[in-house]
């Protein structure tokens, strides 16, 4: 390692980047999974009201909704509150002062303990809302969350497949690296064989080399995960806040870091062991 530091650092860099890619994708995917799970655990419907509705009719509708079964919360969002939220999270907030009147309608958000659109009680409620003169439109917010969950399920399988392929790549990289190291030390190995050294004794220092490569590559991969997570955190948190939710990114957690280090060390040891087995079987 000390004789060819450039090759040493290049190998560590390749291992780090190779392991960081699936780890970063996994962290991003899991954070989005937590968001959708939180949304799915709080099924809601959004009721858009006419802009001409009176305060008395609004309160009457809110009271009717509170009396429905399985309703846990009823929140009224005035046009002014909706416009303020739009200003906070929209890239078109600069042009809003040019609009003389507020185009946003009042909205009632109804949260349920559980909500099945196909259930009889849900069908009655939706039928009443869709035909009520106090309601312009009804949106079931859980439908798109389910579609996102299907998309995340596909993404999870793609990331798993990519991770397996990249793990094989790390094994091959380390196998080739250790093979080159053994070729550079073939005279020392020949002397050890001549004095009666066992294969396990000859194999041991090269396995240490492989473990060292793996641990350092894993540390680099963890550092890359932390850096990328910190880079994407601000826009991701803004996206979550736009849906009135909170989330804690955990890309820098010790569980993630420890998993990367263990995986990197085991993969590197596997690659080193395979290379040594082949070399020793050819020379013994």
Foldseek 3Di string as FASTA:
>chain_A
DVVCVVVLVVLLQLLLVLLLVLLLLVLVLVQVVVLLVVDQQWWKKKFFFDQPDDPVVVVVVQVVLVPQPQWDDKDKQALVNVLVLCLLQPPCVVCVVVDPDRPGTIMIMTTGSDDDCPDPSNVVVVVCSVPDNGTDDMGGVSPVSVVVVVVSVVSVVVSVVSSVVSLVVSLQSLLVVLLVVCVVCVVVVVVCVVVPHDLVVVLVVSLVVLLVSLQSSLVSSLVVQVVVCVVCVPVVQSVSVSVVHGGDRCSNPVVSSVVSSVSSNVSSSNSSVVNSVVVVVVVD
